[in-house]
């Protein structure tokens, strides 16, 4: 069942979930809460012509975090400035807010785009919208500009929305994946 804005606020008040810093009242919609963009991006480096690179996730030594760090470079969006995400560019970003979906709360979430940005071609996740029960940390976004013009990303802009759902029971195994407690880096 999807939580309404009222239920989201009650869940925060009951310490079943945390969002830090707390969203302002304008961030709530009827069934979601907006999150904002942090100042750090990871931009994929261009592939050098003449090289052949293949990513093999089935390799026993595959490590997504390590691979991403090697294939990308950090960029900071400075206050007052922005980063122009050009057509077809793919970047990783984080929300400024940290989310904590307490294991006992029976709450999971989905990160979704904002329709106003989506209509310009901006996607905020490729195929990974699920925020598992027990997750804590900022939400990592997989941002791509599918539009025809560059889109300026600014620190603090409303970039995505979280939709909270109750789970049927408590999980035997709360989220313990490689992105638990992740930080923007």
N, C-alpha and C. Protein backbone atom coordinates (compact mmCIF):
# COMPACT_ATOMS: atom_id res chain seq x y z
N UNK A 1 0.83 -1.16 0.00
CA UNK A 1 0.00 0.00 0.00
C UNK A 1 0.89 1.25 0.00
N UNK A 2 0.57 2.22 -0.82
CA UNK A 2 1.33 3.47 -0.92
C UNK A 2 0.91 4.42 0.19
N UNK A 3 1.89 5.04 0.83
CA UNK A 3 1.60 6.00 1.91
C UNK A 3 1.23 7.36 1.32
N UNK A 4 0.26 8.00 1.92
CA UNK A 4 -0.09 9.37 1.54
C UNK A 4 0.86 10.33 2.24
N UNK A 5 0.78 11.60 1.86
CA UNK A 5 1.62 12.61 2.51
C UNK A 5 1.41 12.61 4.02
N UNK A 6 0.16 12.46 4.43
CA UNK A 6 -0.16 12.41 5.87
C UNK A 6 0.54 11.23 6.54
N UNK A 7 0.46 10.06 5.92
CA UNK A 7 1.08 8.86 6.49
C UNK A 7 2.61 8.94 6.48
N UNK A 8 3.17 9.59 5.47
CA UNK A 8 4.63 9.78 5.43
C UNK A 8 5.05 10.61 6.63
N UNK A 9 4.35 11.72 6.87
CA UNK A 9 4.67 12.60 8.00
C UNK A 9 4.49 11.87 9.34
N UNK A 10 3.42 11.08 9.46
CA UNK A 10 3.20 10.31 10.69
C UNK A 10 4.30 9.26 10.89
N UNK A 11 4.76 8.64 9.81
CA UNK A 11 5.84 7.65 9.90
C UNK A 11 7.14 8.30 10.32
N UNK A 12 7.39 9.52 9.86
CA UNK A 12 8.58 10.25 10.29
C UNK A 12 8.45 10.60 11.77
N UNK A 13 7.29 11.08 12.18
CA UNK A 13 7.06 11.45 13.59
C UNK A 13 7.19 10.24 14.51
N UNK A 14 6.80 9.05 14.02
CA UNK A 14 6.88 7.82 14.82
C UNK A 14 8.26 7.16 14.72
N UNK A 15 9.21 7.82 14.05
CA UNK A 15 10.57 7.32 13.87
C UNK A 15 10.62 5.97 13.15
N UNK A 16 9.68 5.76 12.23
CA UNK A 16 9.70 4.56 11.39
C UNK A 16 10.57 4.78 10.16
N UNK A 17 10.70 6.03 9.77
CA UNK A 17 11.61 6.39 8.69
C UNK A 17 12.15 7.77 8.99
N UNK A 18 13.31 8.04 8.44
CA UNK A 18 13.94 9.34 8.63
C UNK A 18 14.33 9.90 7.28
N UNK A 19 14.20 11.21 7.15
CA UNK A 19 14.72 11.94 6.00
C UNK A 19 15.48 13.13 6.59
N UNK A 20 16.77 13.21 6.31
CA UNK A 20 17.61 14.24 6.89
C UNK A 20 18.45 14.92 5.80
N UNK A 21 18.31 16.23 5.63
CA UNK A 21 17.47 17.15 6.37
C UNK A 21 15.99 16.93 6.05
N UNK A 22 15.15 17.36 6.97
CA UNK A 22 13.71 17.19 6.82
C UNK A 22 13.19 17.96 5.61
N UNK A 23 12.30 17.35 4.85
CA UNK A 23 11.73 18.06 3.70
C UNK A 23 10.87 19.24 4.16
N UNK A 24 10.88 20.31 3.37
CA UNK A 24 10.01 21.43 3.68
C UNK A 24 8.57 21.08 3.27
N UNK A 25 7.59 21.78 3.79
CA UNK A 25 6.18 21.44 3.52
C UNK A 25 5.83 21.38 2.03
N UNK A 26 6.49 22.21 1.20
CA UNK A 26 6.20 22.22 -0.24
C UNK A 26 6.73 20.99 -0.96
N UNK A 27 7.54 20.19 -0.29
CA UNK A 27 8.13 18.99 -0.91
C UNK A 27 7.16 17.82 -0.95
N UNK A 28 6.07 17.92 -0.20
CA UNK A 28 5.11 16.81 -0.15
C UNK A 28 4.05 16.96 -1.24
N UNK A 29 3.79 15.85 -1.93
CA UNK A 29 2.64 15.75 -2.83
C UNK A 29 1.70 14.73 -2.18
N UNK A 30 0.60 14.42 -2.81
CA UNK A 30 -0.40 13.55 -2.18
C UNK A 30 0.15 12.18 -1.79
N UNK A 31 1.09 11.63 -2.58
CA UNK A 31 1.61 10.29 -2.27
C UNK A 31 3.13 10.21 -2.45
N UNK A 32 3.82 11.33 -2.27
CA UNK A 32 5.27 11.30 -2.43
C UNK A 32 5.90 12.48 -1.71
N UNK A 33 7.22 12.45 -1.65
CA UNK A 33 7.98 13.57 -1.12
C UNK A 33 9.17 13.81 -2.06
N UNK A 34 9.40 15.07 -2.40
CA UNK A 34 10.50 15.43 -3.28
C UNK A 34 11.82 15.43 -2.53
N UNK A 35 12.87 14.99 -3.23
CA UNK A 35 14.23 15.08 -2.70
C UNK A 35 15.04 15.97 -3.63
N UNK A 36 16.14 16.50 -3.12
CA UNK A 36 16.93 17.47 -3.86
C UNK A 36 18.31 16.92 -4.22
N UNK A 37 18.94 17.57 -5.17
CA UNK A 37 20.22 17.13 -5.71
C UNK A 37 21.38 17.59 -4.84
N UNK A 38 22.27 16.67 -4.52
CA UNK A 38 23.52 17.01 -3.81
C UNK A 38 24.49 17.64 -4.81
N UNK A 39 25.62 18.10 -4.32
CA UNK A 39 26.56 18.84 -5.17
C UNK A 39 27.54 17.96 -5.94
N UNK A 40 27.55 16.66 -5.68
CA UNK A 40 28.53 15.78 -6.32
C UNK A 40 27.91 14.96 -7.44
N UNK A 41 28.61 14.91 -8.56
CA UNK A 41 28.24 14.05 -9.68
C UNK A 41 29.42 13.15 -10.00
N UNK A 42 29.12 12.00 -10.58
CA UNK A 42 30.16 11.15 -11.18
C UNK A 42 29.83 11.07 -12.66
N UNK A 43 30.74 11.58 -13.47
CA UNK A 43 30.55 11.64 -14.92
C UNK A 43 31.40 10.56 -15.56
N UNK A 44 30.80 9.80 -16.46
CA UNK A 44 31.54 8.75 -17.15
C UNK A 44 32.57 9.36 -18.09
N UNK A 45 33.79 8.84 -18.02
CA UNK A 45 34.86 9.29 -18.89
C UNK A 45 34.61 8.78 -20.30
N UNK A 46 35.00 9.55 -21.31
CA UNK A 46 34.83 9.05 -22.67
C UNK A 46 35.74 7.83 -22.92
N UNK A 47 35.24 6.91 -23.72
CA UNK A 47 36.03 5.74 -24.08
C UNK A 47 37.04 6.17 -25.14
N UNK A 48 38.29 5.77 -24.95
CA UNK A 48 39.35 6.11 -25.89
C UNK A 48 39.15 5.33 -27.18
N UNK A 49 39.17 6.04 -28.28
CA UNK A 49 38.99 5.37 -29.58
C UNK A 49 40.08 4.34 -29.80
N UNK A 50 39.69 3.19 -30.34
CA UNK A 50 40.64 2.12 -30.59
C UNK A 50 40.72 1.11 -29.46
N UNK A 51 40.07 1.40 -28.34
CA UNK A 51 40.07 0.43 -27.24
C UNK A 51 38.77 -0.37 -27.27
N UNK A 52 38.86 -1.55 -26.77
CA UNK A 52 37.68 -2.40 -26.68
C UNK A 52 37.51 -2.76 -25.21
N UNK A 53 36.47 -2.23 -24.61
CA UNK A 53 36.21 -2.48 -23.20
C UNK A 53 34.88 -3.19 -23.07
N UNK A 54 34.88 -4.25 -22.28
CA UNK A 54 33.66 -5.01 -22.04
C UNK A 54 33.49 -5.17 -20.53
N UNK A 55 32.31 -4.90 -20.05
CA UNK A 55 32.00 -5.11 -18.64
C UNK A 55 31.34 -6.47 -18.51
N UNK A 56 31.86 -7.31 -17.61
CA UNK A 56 31.32 -8.66 -17.43
C UNK A 56 30.84 -8.83 -15.98
N UNK A 57 29.56 -8.49 -15.72
CA UNK A 57 29.05 -8.62 -14.35
C UNK A 57 29.03 -10.04 -13.81
N UNK A 58 29.17 -11.05 -14.68
CA UNK A 58 29.17 -12.44 -14.20
C UNK A 58 30.55 -12.89 -13.73
N UNK A 59 31.58 -12.07 -13.94
CA UNK A 59 32.93 -12.40 -13.47
C UNK A 59 32.91 -12.49 -11.95
N UNK A 60 33.47 -13.54 -11.35
CA UNK A 60 33.46 -13.70 -9.89
C UNK A 60 34.10 -12.52 -9.14
N UNK A 61 35.00 -11.80 -9.79
CA UNK A 61 35.68 -10.68 -9.14
C UNK A 61 35.03 -9.33 -9.48
N UNK A 62 33.88 -9.34 -10.14
CA UNK A 62 33.19 -8.12 -10.50
C UNK A 62 32.81 -7.34 -9.24
N UNK A 63 33.11 -6.06 -9.23
CA UNK A 63 32.79 -5.19 -8.12
C UNK A 63 32.24 -3.88 -8.71
N UNK A 64 30.93 -3.69 -8.63
CA UNK A 64 30.29 -2.53 -9.27
C UNK A 64 30.85 -1.21 -8.74
N UNK A 65 31.01 -1.08 -7.43
CA UNK A 65 31.49 0.19 -6.86
C UNK A 65 32.89 0.53 -7.38
N UNK A 66 33.76 -0.46 -7.38
CA UNK A 66 35.14 -0.24 -7.84
C UNK A 66 35.17 0.11 -9.33
N UNK A 67 34.38 -0.60 -10.12
CA UNK A 67 34.33 -0.34 -11.55
C UNK A 67 33.83 1.08 -11.83
N UNK A 68 32.77 1.48 -11.16
CA UNK A 68 32.21 2.82 -11.35
C UNK A 68 33.24 3.89 -11.01
N UNK A 69 33.97 3.70 -9.92
CA UNK A 69 35.00 4.67 -9.55
C UNK A 69 36.08 4.79 -10.62
N UNK A 70 36.41 3.67 -11.27
CA UNK A 70 37.43 3.70 -12.31
C UNK A 70 36.93 4.28 -13.63
N UNK A 71 35.65 4.14 -13.91
CA UNK A 71 35.09 4.60 -15.19
C UNK A 71 34.58 6.03 -15.15
N UNK A 72 34.52 6.61 -13.96
CA UNK A 72 33.95 7.95 -13.82
C UNK A 72 34.93 8.90 -13.16
N UNK A 73 34.60 10.18 -13.25
CA UNK A 73 35.35 11.20 -12.51
C UNK A 73 34.37 12.08 -11.76
N UNK A 74 34.82 12.57 -10.61
CA UNK A 74 33.97 13.42 -9.79
C UNK A 74 33.89 14.82 -10.36
N UNK A 75 32.70 15.37 -10.26
CA UNK A 75 32.48 16.79 -10.58
C UNK A 75 31.63 17.37 -9.47
N UNK A 76 31.98 18.54 -9.04
CA UNK A 76 31.19 19.23 -8.01
C UNK A 76 30.42 20.35 -8.66
N UNK A 77 29.16 20.45 -8.28
CA UNK A 77 28.34 21.57 -8.73
C UNK A 77 28.49 22.65 -7.66
N UNK A 78 29.09 23.75 -8.00
CA UNK A 78 29.31 24.82 -7.03
C UNK A 78 28.05 25.67 -6.90
N UNK A 79 27.82 26.18 -5.69
CA UNK A 79 26.65 27.02 -5.42
C UNK A 79 26.59 28.14 -6.45
N UNK A 80 25.39 28.38 -6.96
CA UNK A 80 25.20 29.45 -7.93
C UNK A 80 25.52 29.04 -9.35
N UNK A 81 26.28 27.98 -9.51
CA UNK A 81 26.59 27.48 -10.84
C UNK A 81 25.74 26.25 -11.08
N UNK A 82 25.92 25.64 -12.19
CA UNK A 82 25.22 24.40 -12.49
C UNK A 82 26.11 23.51 -13.33
N UNK A 83 25.61 22.35 -13.60
CA UNK A 83 26.30 21.43 -14.50
C UNK A 83 25.34 21.15 -15.65
N UNK A 84 25.77 21.43 -16.87
CA UNK A 84 24.93 21.21 -18.03
C UNK A 84 25.09 19.77 -18.51
N UNK A 85 24.05 18.97 -18.27
CA UNK A 85 24.03 17.58 -18.71
C UNK A 85 23.60 17.57 -20.17
N UNK A 86 24.52 17.21 -21.05
CA UNK A 86 24.22 17.29 -22.48
C UNK A 86 23.39 16.10 -22.95
N UNK A 87 22.86 16.22 -24.14
CA UNK A 87 22.02 15.17 -24.74
C UNK A 87 22.75 13.83 -24.69
N UNK A 88 22.05 12.80 -24.26
CA UNK A 88 22.53 11.43 -24.17
C UNK A 88 23.62 11.20 -23.12
N UNK A 89 23.96 12.20 -22.33
CA UNK A 89 24.97 12.00 -21.29
C UNK A 89 24.36 11.27 -20.10
N UNK A 90 25.17 10.39 -19.51
CA UNK A 90 24.77 9.60 -18.35
C UNK A 90 25.67 9.98 -17.19
N UNK A 91 25.08 10.19 -16.02
CA UNK A 91 25.84 10.58 -14.84
C UNK A 91 25.23 9.92 -13.61
N UNK A 92 26.03 9.77 -12.59
CA UNK A 92 25.55 9.32 -11.30
C UNK A 92 25.50 10.53 -10.38
N UNK A 93 24.49 10.59 -9.56
CA UNK A 93 24.33 11.70 -8.63
C UNK A 93 23.70 11.16 -7.36
N UNK A 94 23.58 12.01 -6.36
CA UNK A 94 23.00 11.61 -5.09
C UNK A 94 22.00 12.66 -4.64
N UNK A 95 21.10 12.22 -3.79
CA UNK A 95 20.21 13.19 -3.15
C UNK A 95 20.95 13.84 -2.00
N UNK A 96 20.58 15.07 -1.73
CA UNK A 96 21.16 15.77 -0.59
C UNK A 96 20.66 15.14 0.71
N UNK A 97 19.43 14.63 0.67
CA UNK A 97 18.83 14.02 1.84
C UNK A 97 19.31 12.58 2.03
N UNK A 98 19.50 12.22 3.28
CA UNK A 98 19.76 10.83 3.64
C UNK A 98 18.45 10.23 4.12
N UNK A 99 18.20 9.01 3.71
CA UNK A 99 16.97 8.31 4.06
C UNK A 99 17.33 7.12 4.92
N UNK A 100 16.51 6.85 5.93
CA UNK A 100 16.69 5.67 6.76
C UNK A 100 15.33 4.98 6.85
N UNK A 101 15.21 3.82 6.18
CA UNK A 101 13.99 3.03 6.24
C UNK A 101 14.21 1.97 7.31
N UNK A 102 13.79 2.25 8.51
CA UNK A 102 14.04 1.38 9.66
C UNK A 102 13.54 -0.04 9.38
N UNK A 103 14.35 -1.01 9.73
CA UNK A 103 14.03 -2.42 9.46
C UNK A 103 12.68 -2.83 10.04
N UNK A 104 12.36 -2.35 11.23
CA UNK A 104 11.12 -2.76 11.91
C UNK A 104 9.88 -2.04 11.36
N UNK A 105 10.07 -1.06 10.51
CA UNK A 105 8.96 -0.20 10.10
C UNK A 105 8.03 -0.79 9.04
N UNK A 106 8.49 -1.84 8.35
CA UNK A 106 7.72 -2.44 7.26
C UNK A 106 7.47 -1.41 6.14
N UNK A 107 8.49 -0.56 5.88
CA UNK A 107 8.38 0.45 4.82
C UNK A 107 9.54 0.29 3.85
N UNK A 108 9.20 0.29 2.58
CA UNK A 108 10.17 0.34 1.49
C UNK A 108 9.80 1.57 0.65
N UNK A 109 10.60 1.89 -0.34
CA UNK A 109 10.30 3.07 -1.16
C UNK A 109 10.73 2.83 -2.60
N UNK A 110 10.24 3.70 -3.46
CA UNK A 110 10.66 3.75 -4.86
C UNK A 110 11.06 5.17 -5.17
N UNK A 111 12.19 5.32 -5.85
CA UNK A 111 12.59 6.64 -6.32
C UNK A 111 12.06 6.78 -7.75
N UNK A 112 11.44 7.90 -8.02
CA UNK A 112 10.87 8.16 -9.34
C UNK A 112 11.24 9.56 -9.77
N UNK A 113 11.17 9.79 -11.06
CA UNK A 113 11.44 11.11 -11.60
C UNK A 113 10.30 12.07 -11.32
N UNK A 114 10.57 13.32 -11.55
CA UNK A 114 9.53 14.34 -11.46
C UNK A 114 9.02 14.57 -12.88
N UNK A 115 7.71 14.62 -13.04
CA UNK A 115 7.14 14.71 -14.39
C UNK A 115 7.59 15.97 -15.12
N UNK A 116 7.78 17.06 -14.40
CA UNK A 116 8.20 18.30 -15.06
C UNK A 116 9.59 18.14 -15.69
N UNK A 117 10.47 17.38 -15.06
CA UNK A 117 11.80 17.13 -15.61
C UNK A 117 11.76 16.02 -16.66
N UNK A 118 10.94 15.00 -16.41
CA UNK A 118 10.84 13.89 -17.36
C UNK A 118 10.34 14.38 -18.72
N UNK A 119 9.46 15.36 -18.71
CA UNK A 119 8.93 15.89 -19.98
C UNK A 119 9.97 16.67 -20.76
N UNK A 120 11.09 16.98 -20.10
CA UNK A 120 12.21 17.61 -20.79
C UNK A 120 13.23 16.57 -21.24
N UNK A 121 13.01 15.31 -20.83
CA UNK A 121 13.91 14.23 -21.21
C UNK A 121 14.82 13.74 -20.11
N UNK A 122 14.68 14.27 -18.89
CA UNK A 122 15.58 13.89 -17.81
C UNK A 122 15.04 12.68 -17.06
N UNK A 123 15.82 11.60 -17.06
CA UNK A 123 15.50 10.38 -16.30
C UNK A 123 16.41 10.34 -15.08
N UNK A 124 15.88 9.86 -13.94
CA UNK A 124 16.68 9.83 -12.72
C UNK A 124 17.04 8.42 -12.27
N UNK A 125 16.49 7.42 -12.94
CA UNK A 125 16.93 6.06 -12.68
C UNK A 125 16.79 5.27 -13.97
N UNK A 126 17.70 4.34 -14.16
CA UNK A 126 17.66 3.53 -15.37
C UNK A 126 16.66 2.41 -15.18
N UNK A 127 16.93 1.50 -14.27
CA UNK A 127 15.97 0.43 -13.97
C UNK A 127 16.01 0.06 -12.50
N UNK A 128 16.49 0.95 -11.66
CA UNK A 128 16.69 0.61 -10.26
C UNK A 128 15.95 1.57 -9.34
N UNK A 129 14.61 1.51 -9.29
CA UNK A 129 13.88 2.45 -8.45
C UNK A 129 13.70 1.98 -7.00
N UNK A 130 14.00 0.72 -6.69
CA UNK A 130 13.66 0.16 -5.38
C UNK A 130 14.63 0.60 -4.29
N UNK A 131 14.06 1.09 -3.19
CA UNK A 131 14.82 1.40 -1.99
C UNK A 131 14.31 0.40 -0.95
N UNK A 132 15.14 -0.58 -0.62
CA UNK A 132 14.72 -1.70 0.22
C UNK A 132 14.52 -1.31 1.68
N UNK A 133 13.64 -2.04 2.36
CA UNK A 133 13.49 -1.90 3.80
C UNK A 133 14.85 -2.11 4.45
N UNK A 134 15.22 -1.26 5.37
CA UNK A 134 16.52 -1.35 6.04
C UNK A 134 17.58 -0.48 5.40
N UNK A 135 17.30 0.13 4.24
CA UNK A 135 18.28 0.99 3.57
C UNK A 135 18.49 2.26 4.38
N UNK A 136 19.73 2.74 4.38
CA UNK A 136 20.02 4.05 4.97
C UNK A 136 21.15 4.70 4.19
N UNK A 137 20.98 5.97 3.92
CA UNK A 137 21.96 6.75 3.19
C UNK A 137 21.30 7.65 2.17
N UNK A 138 22.11 8.41 1.43
CA UNK A 138 21.54 9.20 0.34
C UNK A 138 21.14 8.26 -0.80
N UNK A 139 20.21 8.66 -1.62
CA UNK A 139 19.77 7.86 -2.75
C UNK A 139 20.67 8.17 -3.94
N UNK A 140 21.25 7.13 -4.51
CA UNK A 140 22.06 7.34 -5.71
C UNK A 140 21.14 7.32 -6.93
N UNK A 141 21.33 8.28 -7.78
CA UNK A 141 20.50 8.44 -8.98
C UNK A 141 21.31 8.12 -10.22
N UNK A 142 20.67 7.48 -11.18
CA UNK A 142 21.28 7.20 -12.48
C UNK A 142 20.60 8.15 -13.46
N UNK A 143 21.25 9.28 -13.74
CA UNK A 143 20.63 10.37 -14.49
C UNK A 143 21.06 10.33 -15.95
N UNK A 144 20.08 10.47 -16.83
CA UNK A 144 20.38 10.54 -18.27
C UNK A 144 19.51 11.60 -18.91
N UNK A 145 20.11 12.36 -19.82
CA UNK A 145 19.39 13.36 -20.57
C UNK A 145 18.98 12.76 -21.91
N UNK A 146 17.69 12.43 -22.04
CA UNK A 146 17.15 11.90 -23.30
C UNK A 146 16.61 13.02 -24.19
N UNK A 147 16.68 14.25 -23.71
CA UNK A 147 16.11 15.38 -24.44
C UNK A 147 17.02 15.89 -25.54
N UNK A 148 16.56 16.93 -26.21
CA UNK A 148 17.31 17.47 -27.34
C UNK A 148 18.24 18.61 -26.95
N UNK A 149 18.08 19.15 -25.74
CA UNK A 149 18.91 20.27 -25.28
C UNK A 149 19.59 19.91 -23.97
N UNK A 150 20.72 20.57 -23.65
CA UNK A 150 21.33 20.35 -22.34
C UNK A 150 20.35 20.75 -21.23
N UNK A 151 20.45 20.07 -20.09
CA UNK A 151 19.63 20.37 -18.92
C UNK A 151 20.58 20.74 -17.79
N UNK A 152 20.38 21.93 -17.24
CA UNK A 152 21.26 22.41 -16.17
C UNK A 152 20.83 21.80 -14.84
N UNK A 153 21.77 21.09 -14.23
CA UNK A 153 21.56 20.51 -12.90
C UNK A 153 22.16 21.47 -11.88
N UNK A 154 21.39 21.77 -10.83
CA UNK A 154 21.87 22.68 -9.79
C UNK A 154 21.73 22.01 -8.42
N UNK A 155 22.70 22.26 -7.58
CA UNK A 155 22.63 21.77 -6.20
C UNK A 155 21.36 22.29 -5.55
N UNK A 156 20.63 21.40 -4.89
CA UNK A 156 19.43 21.79 -4.17
C UNK A 156 18.16 21.79 -4.99
N UNK A 157 18.27 21.55 -6.31
CA UNK A 157 17.04 21.51 -7.11
C UNK A 157 16.26 20.24 -6.79
N UNK A 158 14.95 20.32 -6.88
CA UNK A 158 14.13 19.13 -6.69
C UNK A 158 14.36 18.22 -7.88
N UNK A 159 14.91 17.03 -7.63
CA UNK A 159 15.37 16.15 -8.69
C UNK A 159 14.57 14.87 -8.82
N UNK A 160 13.97 14.41 -7.72
CA UNK A 160 13.24 13.14 -7.76
C UNK A 160 12.19 13.14 -6.67
N UNK A 161 11.41 12.09 -6.64
CA UNK A 161 10.42 11.93 -5.57
C UNK A 161 10.49 10.50 -5.04
N UNK A 162 10.21 10.36 -3.76
CA UNK A 162 10.14 9.04 -3.15
C UNK A 162 8.69 8.70 -2.91
N UNK A 163 8.35 7.49 -3.25
CA UNK A 163 7.03 6.94 -2.99
C UNK A 163 7.23 5.81 -2.00
N UNK A 164 6.60 5.92 -0.84
CA UNK A 164 6.76 4.94 0.23
C UNK A 164 5.64 3.93 0.19
N UNK A 165 6.00 2.67 0.46
CA UNK A 165 5.04 1.58 0.45
C UNK A 165 5.23 0.74 1.70
N UNK A 166 4.14 0.20 2.21
CA UNK A 166 4.26 -0.72 3.33
C UNK A 166 4.47 -2.12 2.77
N UNK A 167 5.27 -2.89 3.47
CA UNK A 167 5.51 -4.27 3.07
C UNK A 167 4.56 -5.18 3.84
N UNK A 168 4.32 -6.33 3.29
CA UNK A 168 3.47 -7.32 3.97
C UNK A 168 4.39 -8.12 4.89
N UNK A 169 4.49 -7.71 6.13
CA UNK A 169 5.38 -8.35 7.08
C UNK A 169 6.76 -7.73 7.08
N UNK A 170 7.58 -8.21 8.02
CA UNK A 170 8.95 -7.74 8.11
C UNK A 170 9.85 -8.70 7.35
N UNK A 171 10.87 -8.18 6.66
CA UNK A 171 11.75 -9.07 5.92
C UNK A 171 12.60 -9.93 6.87
N UNK A 172 12.88 -11.17 6.46
CA UNK A 172 13.83 -12.00 7.19
C UNK A 172 15.23 -11.41 7.04
N UNK A 173 15.45 -10.81 5.90
CA UNK A 173 16.76 -10.27 5.60
C UNK A 173 16.60 -8.84 5.11
N UNK A 174 16.88 -7.88 5.97
CA UNK A 174 16.82 -6.47 5.58
C UNK A 174 17.96 -6.18 4.60
N UNK A 175 17.89 -5.06 3.94
CA UNK A 175 18.89 -4.70 2.94
C UNK A 175 20.29 -4.68 3.55
N UNK A 176 21.18 -5.46 2.97
CA UNK A 176 22.57 -5.53 3.41
C UNK A 176 23.52 -5.39 2.21
N UNK A 177 23.01 -4.90 1.08
CA UNK A 177 23.77 -4.83 -0.16
C UNK A 177 24.94 -3.87 -0.11
N UNK A 178 25.67 -3.83 -1.22
CA UNK A 178 26.90 -3.06 -1.29
C UNK A 178 26.68 -1.55 -1.18
N UNK A 179 25.44 -1.08 -1.32
CA UNK A 179 25.20 0.36 -1.26
C UNK A 179 24.60 0.80 0.08
N UNK A 180 24.53 -0.11 1.06
CA UNK A 180 24.02 0.24 2.38
C UNK A 180 24.92 1.28 3.01
N UNK A 181 24.33 2.36 3.49
CA UNK A 181 25.10 3.42 4.13
C UNK A 181 26.01 4.16 3.18
N UNK A 182 25.69 4.10 1.87
CA UNK A 182 26.54 4.74 0.88
C UNK A 182 26.68 6.23 1.15
N UNK A 183 27.76 6.78 0.69
CA UNK A 183 27.97 8.22 0.75
C UNK A 183 28.26 8.69 -0.65
N UNK A 184 28.05 9.95 -0.88
CA UNK A 184 28.36 10.54 -2.18
C UNK A 184 29.86 10.67 -2.28
N UNK A 185 30.44 9.99 -3.26
CA UNK A 185 31.89 10.15 -3.47
C UNK A 185 32.26 9.77 -4.89
